[in-house]
């Protein structure tokens, strides 16, 4: 197994193959869904926070109202 891994690491690849491997590794690392949401601007976590921030019960803390009112 060690020799086969060494042989694979010593084989020469073209620039196109390297970029393909790099793109596949990036997709595996970040996930295709996260990449698409980043590119389209649809961030579900941000939208969920914005929807939940409109709740009037949770806005009774410091700085939630205008000064002097």
Protein backbone atom coordinates (compact mmCIF):
# COMPACT_ATOMS: atom_id res chain seq x y z
CA UNK A 1 0.00 0.00 0.00
CA UNK A 2 2.82 2.35 0.81
CA UNK A 3 4.46 1.76 -2.56
CA UNK A 4 1.23 2.34 -4.46
CA UNK A 5 0.64 5.61 -2.60
CA UNK A 6 4.21 6.68 -3.30
CA UNK A 7 3.75 5.83 -6.98
CA UNK A 8 0.55 7.87 -7.16
CA UNK A 9 2.21 10.85 -5.47
CA UNK A 10 5.19 10.68 -7.86
CA UNK A 11 3.12 10.61 -11.05
CA UNK A 12 3.08 13.84 -13.00
CA UNK A 13 -0.23 15.51 -13.73
CA UNK A 14 -1.16 18.37 -15.99
CA UNK A 15 -2.28 21.76 -14.77
CA UNK A 16 -5.85 20.97 -15.83
CA UNK A 17 -5.87 17.76 -13.79
CA UNK A 18 -4.43 19.61 -10.78
CA UNK A 19 -7.15 22.25 -10.96
CA UNK A 20 -9.80 19.55 -11.26
CA UNK A 21 -8.46 17.78 -8.17
CA UNK A 22 -8.30 21.10 -6.33
CA UNK A 23 -11.91 21.93 -7.23
CA UNK A 24 -13.07 18.47 -6.14
CA UNK A 25 -11.26 18.85 -2.83
CA UNK A 26 -12.80 22.29 -2.27
CA UNK A 27 -16.29 20.95 -2.99
CA UNK A 28 -15.73 18.08 -0.61
CA UNK A 29 -14.45 20.45 2.06
CA UNK A 30 -17.11 23.14 1.88
CA UNK A 31 -19.98 21.18 0.47
CA UNK A 32 -21.82 21.85 -2.72
CA UNK A 33 -24.85 23.26 -0.91
CA UNK A 34 -22.80 25.83 1.02
CA UNK A 35 -20.98 26.86 -2.12
CA UNK A 36 -24.21 27.41 -4.05
CA UNK A 37 -25.78 29.37 -1.20
CA UNK A 38 -22.66 31.53 -1.01
CA UNK A 39 -22.70 32.24 -4.74
CA UNK A 40 -26.45 32.96 -4.91
CA UNK A 41 -26.60 34.97 -1.68
CA UNK A 42 -29.24 32.74 -0.09
CA UNK A 43 -27.96 32.37 3.45
CA UNK A 44 -30.63 30.49 5.38
CA UNK A 45 -29.03 31.17 8.75
CA UNK A 46 -28.98 34.93 8.15
CA UNK A 47 -32.59 34.90 6.93
CA UNK A 48 -33.67 32.89 9.99
CA UNK A 49 -31.98 35.39 12.32
CA UNK A 50 -33.61 38.32 10.54
CA UNK A 51 -37.05 36.72 10.75
CA UNK A 52 -36.64 35.92 14.44
CA UNK A 53 -35.34 39.39 15.31
CA UNK A 54 -38.74 40.92 14.53
CA UNK A 55 -40.24 39.36 17.67
CA UNK A 56 -41.34 42.16 20.04
CA UNK A 57 -41.01 40.01 23.16
CA UNK A 58 -37.27 39.66 22.75
CA UNK A 59 -36.58 43.38 22.22
CA UNK A 60 -37.04 44.65 25.77
CA UNK A 61 -33.31 44.83 26.51
CA UNK A 62 -30.84 47.68 26.76
CA UNK A 63 -30.77 49.79 23.62
CA UNK A 64 -34.01 48.48 22.19
CA UNK A 65 -35.81 51.81 22.36
CA UNK A 66 -34.97 55.39 21.48
CA UNK A 67 -33.25 57.41 24.17
CA UNK A 68 -35.65 59.42 26.32
CA UNK A 69 -38.78 57.57 25.30
